[in-house]
Amino acid sequence: LKTVVDFYAPFDCEIIEVHTELEDDASVITEDCYNEGWIVKVKPTGPTDVLITPENFVKQVEKEIEEGSH
């Protein structure tokens, strides 16, 4: 099954590389999402001071859960 989807990013960017090997085997996305399971590589084209690391994102979500935020 192959499909084309829109790509939405939380910041302005340009797609600079597409992981074409996923066309043959997409299972790596769930097996190793932070290393070999990447889908696209992007280059920011606007401000990046609002970006956070995955670790800080998890901390933020955990904090919001504790506080009862959505």
PDB file of N, CA and C in Angstrom:
ATOM      1  N   LEU A   1       0.843  -1.178   0.000  1.00  0.00           N
ATOM      2  CA  LEU A   1       0.000   0.000   0.000  1.00  0.00           C
ATOM      3  C   LEU A   1       0.886   1.238   0.000  1.00  0.00           C
ATOM      4  N   LYS A   2       0.709   2.076  -0.963  1.00  0.00           N
ATOM      5  CA  LYS A   2       1.454   3.335  -1.024  1.00  0.00           C
ATOM      6  C   LYS A   2       0.457   4.476  -1.056  1.00  0.00           C
ATOM      7  N   THR A   3       0.858   5.585  -0.472  1.00  0.00           N
ATOM      8  CA  THR A   3      -0.034   6.733  -0.427  1.00  0.00           C
ATOM      9  C   THR A   3       0.781   8.015  -0.442  1.00  0.00           C
ATOM     10  N   VAL A   4       0.126   9.090  -0.769  1.00  0.00           N
ATOM     11  CA  VAL A   4       0.735  10.418  -0.727  1.00  0.00           C
ATOM     12  C   VAL A   4      -0.045  11.219   0.301  1.00  0.00           C
ATOM     13  N   VAL A   5       0.676  11.890   1.192  1.00  0.00           N
ATOM     14  CA  VAL A   5       0.020  12.685   2.229  1.00  0.00           C
ATOM     15  C   VAL A   5       0.647  14.068   2.288  1.00  0.00           C
ATOM     16  N   ASP A   6      -0.098  14.995   2.856  1.00  0.00           N
ATOM     17  CA  ASP A   6       0.448  16.322   3.098  1.00  0.00           C
ATOM     18  C   ASP A   6       1.372  16.254   4.301  1.00  0.00           C
ATOM     19  N   PHE A   7       2.408  17.061   4.282  1.00  0.00           N
ATOM     20  CA  PHE A   7       3.358  17.128   5.391  1.00  0.00           C
ATOM     21  C   PHE A   7       3.160  18.456   6.096  1.00  0.00           C
ATOM     22  N   TYR A   8       2.855  18.392   7.384  1.00  0.00           N
ATOM     23  CA  TYR A   8       2.670  19.599   8.182  1.00  0.00           C
ATOM     24  C   TYR A   8       3.764  19.660   9.238  1.00  0.00           C
ATOM     25  N   ALA A   9       4.395  20.798   9.364  1.00  0.00           N
ATOM     26  CA  ALA A   9       5.434  20.995  10.376  1.00  0.00           C
ATOM     27  C   ALA A   9       5.029  22.176  11.254  1.00  0.00           C
ATOM     28  N   PRO A  10       5.452  22.161  12.515  1.00  0.00           N
ATOM     29  CA  PRO A  10       5.088  23.257  13.419  1.00  0.00           C
ATOM     30  C   PRO A  10       5.959  24.492  13.247  1.00  0.00           C
ATOM     31  N   PHE A  11       6.750  24.520  12.189  1.00  0.00           N
ATOM     32  CA  PHE A  11       7.609  25.661  11.897  1.00  0.00           C
ATOM     33  C   PHE A  11       7.834  25.717  10.394  1.00  0.00           C
ATOM     34  N   ASP A  12       8.244  26.877   9.894  1.00  0.00           N
ATOM     35  CA  ASP A  12       8.506  27.024   8.468  1.00  0.00           C
ATOM     36  C   ASP A  12       9.768  26.252   8.108  1.00  0.00           C
ATOM     37  N   CYS A  13       9.663  25.420   7.051  1.00  0.00           N
ATOM     38  CA  CYS A  13      10.822  24.618   6.672  1.00  0.00           C
ATOM     39  C   CYS A  13      10.727  24.196   5.211  1.00  0.00           C
ATOM     40  N   GLU A  14      11.842  23.664   4.742  1.00  0.00           N
ATOM     41  CA  GLU A  14      11.949  23.140   3.390  1.00  0.00           C
ATOM     42  C   GLU A  14      12.363  21.678   3.507  1.00  0.00           C
ATOM     43  N   ILE A  15      11.694  20.791   2.780  1.00  0.00           N
ATOM     44  CA  ILE A  15      12.091  19.386   2.775  1.00  0.00           C
ATOM     45  C   ILE A  15      13.354  19.266   1.934  1.00  0.00           C
ATOM     46  N   ILE A  16      14.413  18.721   2.538  1.00  0.00           N
ATOM     47  CA  ILE A  16      15.682  18.599   1.822  1.00  0.00           C
ATOM     48  C   ILE A  16      16.022  17.154   1.464  1.00  0.00           C
ATOM     49  N   GLU A  17      15.344  16.196   2.097  1.00  0.00           N
ATOM     50  CA  GLU A  17      15.592  14.793   1.766  1.00  0.00           C
ATOM     51  C   GLU A  17      14.385  13.949   2.180  1.00  0.00           C
ATOM     52  N   VAL A  18      14.073  12.957   1.358  1.00  0.00           N
ATOM     53  CA  VAL A  18      12.987  12.026   1.644  1.00  0.00           C
ATOM     54  C   VAL A  18      13.594  10.637   1.808  1.00  0.00           C
ATOM     55  N   HIS A  19      13.188   9.914   2.831  1.00  0.00           N
ATOM     56  CA  HIS A  19      13.704   8.573   3.110  1.00  0.00           C
ATOM     57  C   HIS A  19      13.005   7.572   2.195  1.00  0.00           C
ATOM     58  N   THR A  20      13.505   7.426   1.001  1.00  0.00           N
ATOM     59  CA  THR A  20      12.848   6.603  -0.019  1.00  0.00           C
ATOM     60  C   THR A  20      12.872   5.111   0.296  1.00  0.00           C
ATOM     61  N   GLU A  21      13.783   4.653   1.154  1.00  0.00           N
ATOM     62  CA  GLU A  21      13.826   3.231   1.513  1.00  0.00           C
ATOM     63  C   GLU A  21      12.551   2.792   2.235  1.00  0.00           C
ATOM     64  N   LEU A  22      11.825   3.746   2.799  1.00  0.00           N
ATOM     65  CA  LEU A  22      10.575   3.413   3.479  1.00  0.00           C
ATOM     66  C   LEU A  22       9.522   2.904   2.504  1.00  0.00           C
ATOM     67  N   GLU A  23       9.698   3.205   1.219  1.00  0.00           N
ATOM     68  CA  GLU A  23       8.749   2.722   0.218  1.00  0.00           C
ATOM     69  C   GLU A  23       8.730   1.200   0.179  1.00  0.00           C
ATOM     70  N   ASP A  24       9.879   0.574   0.466  1.00  0.00           N
ATOM     71  CA  ASP A  24       9.981  -0.883   0.445  1.00  0.00           C
ATOM     72  C   ASP A  24       9.683  -1.517   1.799  1.00  0.00           C
ATOM     73  N   ASP A  25      10.039  -0.834   2.896  1.00  0.00           N
ATOM     74  CA  ASP A  25       9.838  -1.387   4.238  1.00  0.00           C
ATOM     75  C   ASP A  25       9.666  -0.250   5.233  1.00  0.00           C
ATOM     76  N   ALA A  26       8.421   0.036   5.578  1.00  0.00           N
ATOM     77  CA  ALA A  26       8.132   1.145   6.492  1.00  0.00           C
ATOM     78  C   ALA A  26       8.144   0.720   7.957  1.00  0.00           C
ATOM     79  N   SER A  27       8.402  -0.543   8.250  1.00  0.00           N
ATOM     80  CA  SER A  27       8.359  -1.017   9.636  1.00  0.00           C
ATOM     81  C   SER A  27       9.401  -0.340  10.516  1.00  0.00           C
ATOM     82  N   VAL A  28      10.463   0.161   9.917  1.00  0.00           N
ATOM     83  CA  VAL A  28      11.516   0.820  10.698  1.00  0.00           C
ATOM     84  C   VAL A  28      10.996   2.079  11.397  1.00  0.00           C
ATOM     85  N   ILE A  29       9.914   2.650  10.914  1.00  0.00           N
ATOM     86  CA  ILE A  29       9.339   3.841  11.549  1.00  0.00           C
ATOM     87  C   ILE A  29       8.933   3.528  12.984  1.00  0.00           C
ATOM     88  N   THR A  30       8.305   2.388  13.198  1.00  0.00           N
ATOM     89  CA  THR A  30       7.886   2.036  14.555  1.00  0.00           C
ATOM     90  C   THR A  30       8.995   1.370  15.348  1.00  0.00           C
ATOM     91  N   GLU A  31       9.958   0.781  14.672  1.00  0.00           N
ATOM     92  CA  GLU A  31      11.044   0.078  15.356  1.00  0.00           C
ATOM     93  C   GLU A  31      12.152   1.019  15.824  1.00  0.00           C
ATOM     94  N   ASP A  32      12.402   2.097  15.096  1.00  0.00           N
ATOM     95  CA  ASP A  32      13.539   2.968  15.410  1.00  0.00           C
ATOM     96  C   ASP A  32      13.247   4.394  14.937  1.00  0.00           C
ATOM     97  N   CYS A  33      12.172   4.985  15.478  1.00  0.00           N
ATOM     98  CA  CYS A  33      11.672   6.263  14.953  1.00  0.00           C
ATOM     99  C   CYS A  33      12.638   7.435  15.122  1.00  0.00           C
ATOM    100  N   TYR A  34      13.538   7.397  16.100  1.00  0.00           N
ATOM    101  CA  TYR A  34      14.437   8.530  16.309  1.00  0.00           C
ATOM    102  C   TYR A  34      15.768   8.394  15.576  1.00  0.00           C
ATOM    103  N   ASN A  35      16.000   7.270  14.917  1.00  0.00           N
ATOM    104  CA  ASN A  35      17.258   7.096  14.193  1.00  0.00           C
ATOM    105  C   ASN A  35      16.997   6.719  12.742  1.00  0.00           C
ATOM    106  N   GLU A  36      16.842   5.435  12.466  1.00  0.00           N
ATOM    107  CA  GLU A  36      16.672   4.981  11.087  1.00  0.00           C
ATOM    108  C   GLU A  36      15.254   5.156  10.552  1.00  0.00           C
ATOM    109  N   GLY A  37      14.306   5.470  11.425  1.00  0.00           N
ATOM    110  CA  GLY A  37      12.914   5.565  11.007  1.00  0.00           C
ATOM    111  C   GLY A  37      12.460   6.952  10.590  1.00  0.00           C
ATOM    112  N   TRP A  38      13.391   7.817  10.268  1.00  0.00           N
ATOM    113  CA  TRP A  38      13.006   9.169   9.862  1.00  0.00           C
ATOM    114  C   TRP A  38      12.263   9.117   8.525  1.00  0.00           C
ATOM    115  N   ILE A  39      11.392  10.087   8.291  1.00  0.00           N
ATOM    116  CA  ILE A  39      10.591  10.130   7.068  1.00  0.00           C
ATOM    117  C   ILE A  39      11.133  11.181   6.111  1.00  0.00           C
ATOM    118  N   VAL A  40      11.330  12.382   6.614  1.00  0.00           N
ATOM    119  CA  VAL A  40      11.910  13.459   5.810  1.00  0.00           C
ATOM    120  C   VAL A  40      12.922  14.212   6.657  1.00  0.00           C
ATOM    121  N   LYS A  41      13.873  14.822   5.987  1.00  0.00           N
ATOM    122  CA  LYS A  41      14.793  15.741   6.651  1.00  0.00           C
ATOM    123  C   LYS A  41      14.408  17.136   6.189  1.00  0.00           C
ATOM    124  N   VAL A  42      14.368  18.064   7.134  1.00  0.00           N
ATOM    125  CA  VAL A  42      13.949  19.420   6.812  1.00  0.00           C
ATOM    126  C   VAL A  42      15.010  20.424   7.219  1.00  0.00           C
ATOM    127  N   LYS A  43      14.943  21.564   6.566  1.00  0.00           N
ATOM    128  CA  LYS A  43      15.812  22.694   6.898  1.00  0.00           C
ATOM    129  C   LYS A  43      14.893  23.838   7.308  1.00  0.00           C
ATOM    130  N   PRO A  44      15.023  24.319   8.546  1.00  0.00           N
ATOM    131  CA  PRO A  44      14.186  25.447   8.965  1.00  0.00           C
ATOM    132  C   PRO A  44      14.424  26.663   8.071  1.00  0.00           C
ATOM    133  N   THR A  45      13.346  27.356   7.741  1.00  0.00           N
ATOM    134  CA  THR A  45      13.468  28.568   6.930  1.00  0.00           C
ATOM    135  C   THR A  45      13.013  29.799   7.701  1.00  0.00           C
ATOM    136  N   GLY A  46      12.681  29.602   8.952  1.00  0.00           N
ATOM    137  CA  GLY A  46      12.234  30.709   9.798  1.00  0.00           C
ATOM    138  C   GLY A  46      12.826  30.567  11.181  1.00  0.00           C
ATOM    139  N   PRO A  47      12.287  31.297  12.145  1.00  0.00           N
ATOM    140  CA  PRO A  47      12.803  31.250  13.515  1.00  0.00           C
ATOM    141  C   PRO A  47      12.730  29.836  14.105  1.00  0.00           C
ATOM    142  N   THR A  48      13.762  29.455  14.842  1.00  0.00           N
ATOM    143  CA  THR A  48      13.797  28.124  15.453  1.00  0.00           C
ATOM    144  C   THR A  48      13.869  28.188  16.975  1.00  0.00           C
ATOM    145  N   ASP A  49      13.759  29.368  17.539  1.00  0.00           N
ATOM    146  CA  ASP A  49      13.909  29.507  18.986  1.00  0.00           C
ATOM    147  C   ASP A  49      12.771  28.869  19.776  1.00  0.00           C
ATOM    148  N   VAL A  50      11.685  28.494  19.117  1.00  0.00           N
ATOM    149  CA  VAL A  50      10.563  27.865  19.819  1.00  0.00           C
ATOM    150  C   VAL A  50      10.633  26.336  19.789  1.00  0.00           C
ATOM    151  N   LEU A  51      11.604  25.778  19.090  1.00  0.00           N
ATOM    152  CA  LEU A  51      11.712  24.325  18.988  1.00  0.00           C
ATOM    153  C   LEU A  51      12.281  23.736  20.274  1.00  0.00           C
ATOM    154  N   ILE A  52      11.834  22.516  20.613  1.00  0.00           N
ATOM    155  CA  ILE A  52      12.338  21.839  21.805  1.00  0.00           C
ATOM    156  C   ILE A  52      12.783  20.421  21.437  1.00  0.00           C
ATOM    157  N   THR A  53      13.585  19.830  22.297  1.00  0.00           N
ATOM    158  CA  THR A  53      14.055  18.467  22.075  1.00  0.00           C
ATOM    159  C   THR A  53      12.938  17.475  22.395  1.00  0.00           C
ATOM    160  N   PRO A  54      13.033  16.251  21.883  1.00  0.00           N
ATOM    161  CA  PRO A  54      12.028  15.238  22.238  1.00  0.00           C
ATOM    162  C   PRO A  54      11.942  15.017  23.750  1.00  0.00           C
ATOM    163  N   GLU A  55      13.074  15.049  24.432  1.00  0.00           N
ATOM    164  CA  GLU A  55      13.086  14.858  25.881  1.00  0.00           C
ATOM    165  C   GLU A  55      12.315  15.967  26.591  1.00  0.00           C
ATOM    166  N   ASN A  56      12.529  17.207  26.170  1.00  0.00           N
ATOM    167  CA  ASN A  56      11.809  18.326  26.780  1.00  0.00           C
ATOM    168  C   ASN A  56      10.321  18.293  26.435  1.00  0.00           C
ATOM    169  N   PHE A  57       9.994  17.776  25.257  1.00  0.00           N
ATOM    170  CA  PHE A  57       8.586  17.621  24.887  1.00  0.00           C
ATOM    171  C   PHE A  57       7.901  16.642  25.840  1.00  0.00           C
ATOM    172  N   VAL A  58       8.551  15.506  26.102  1.00  0.00           N
ATOM    173  CA  VAL A  58       7.986  14.513  27.019  1.00  0.00           C
ATOM    174  C   VAL A  58       7.800  15.126  28.400  1.00  0.00           C
ATOM    175  N   LYS A  59       8.793  15.876  28.866  1.00  0.00           N
ATOM    176  CA  LYS A  59       8.686  16.530  30.175  1.00  0.00           C
ATOM    177  C   LYS A  59       7.498  17.491  30.208  1.00  0.00           C
ATOM    178  N   GLN A  60       7.316  18.248  29.138  1.00  0.00           N
ATOM    179  CA  GLN A  60       6.218  19.207  29.069  1.00  0.00           C
ATOM    180  C   GLN A  60       4.868  18.496  29.102  1.00  0.00           C
ATOM    181  N   VAL A  61       4.746  17.413  28.344  1.00  0.00           N
ATOM    182  CA  VAL A  61       3.494  16.656  28.325  1.00  0.00           C
ATOM    183  C   VAL A  61       3.214  16.060  29.702  1.00  0.00           C
ATOM    184  N   GLU A  62       4.248  15.495  30.336  1.00  0.00           N
ATOM    185  CA  GLU A  62       4.068  14.929  31.681  1.00  0.00           C
ATOM    186  C   GLU A  62       3.617  16.000  32.669  1.00  0.00           C
ATOM    187  N   LYS A  63       4.195  17.185  32.559  1.00  0.00           N
ATOM    188  CA  LYS A  63       3.822  18.293  33.442  1.00  0.00           C
ATOM    189  C   LYS A  63       2.360  18.676  33.227  1.00  0.00           C
ATOM    190  N   GLU A  64       1.948  18.761  31.967  1.00  0.00           N
ATOM    191  CA  GLU A  64       0.566  19.127  31.665  1.00  0.00           C
ATOM    192  C   GLU A  64      -0.413  18.062  32.154  1.00  0.00           C
ATOM    193  N   ILE A  65      -0.024  16.797  32.078  1.00  0.00           N
ATOM    194  CA  ILE A  65      -0.882  15.722  32.579  1.00  0.00           C
ATOM    195  C   ILE A  65      -1.047  15.851  34.087  1.00  0.00           C
ATOM    196  N   GLU A  66       0.061  16.102  34.778  1.00  0.00           N
ATOM    197  CA  GLU A  66       0.013  16.264  36.235  1.00  0.00           C
ATOM    198  C   GLU A  66      -0.876  17.438  36.644  1.00  0.00           C
ATOM    199  N   GLU A  67      -0.831  18.511  35.848  1.00  0.00           N
ATOM    200  CA  GLU A  67      -1.606  19.712  36.162  1.00  0.00           C
ATOM    201  C   GLU A  67      -3.047  19.616  35.667  1.00  0.00           C
ATOM    202  N   GLY A  68      -3.357  18.572  34.907  1.00  0.00           N
ATOM    203  CA  GLY A  68      -4.705  18.419  34.377  1.00  0.00           C
ATOM    204  C   GLY A  68      -4.980  19.283  33.174  1.00  0.00           C
ATOM    205  N   SER A  69      -3.922  19.761  32.508  1.00  0.00           N
ATOM    206  CA  SER A  69      -4.092  20.582  31.303  1.00  0.00           C
ATOM    207  C   SER A  69      -4.351  19.686  30.101  1.00  0.00           C
ATOM    208  N   HIS A  70      -4.813  20.300  29.033  1.00  0.00           N
ATOM    209  CA  HIS A  70      -5.028  19.561  27.790  1.00  0.00           C
ATOM    210  C   HIS A  70      -3.873  19.812  26.867  1.00  0.00           C
TER     211      HIS A  70
END
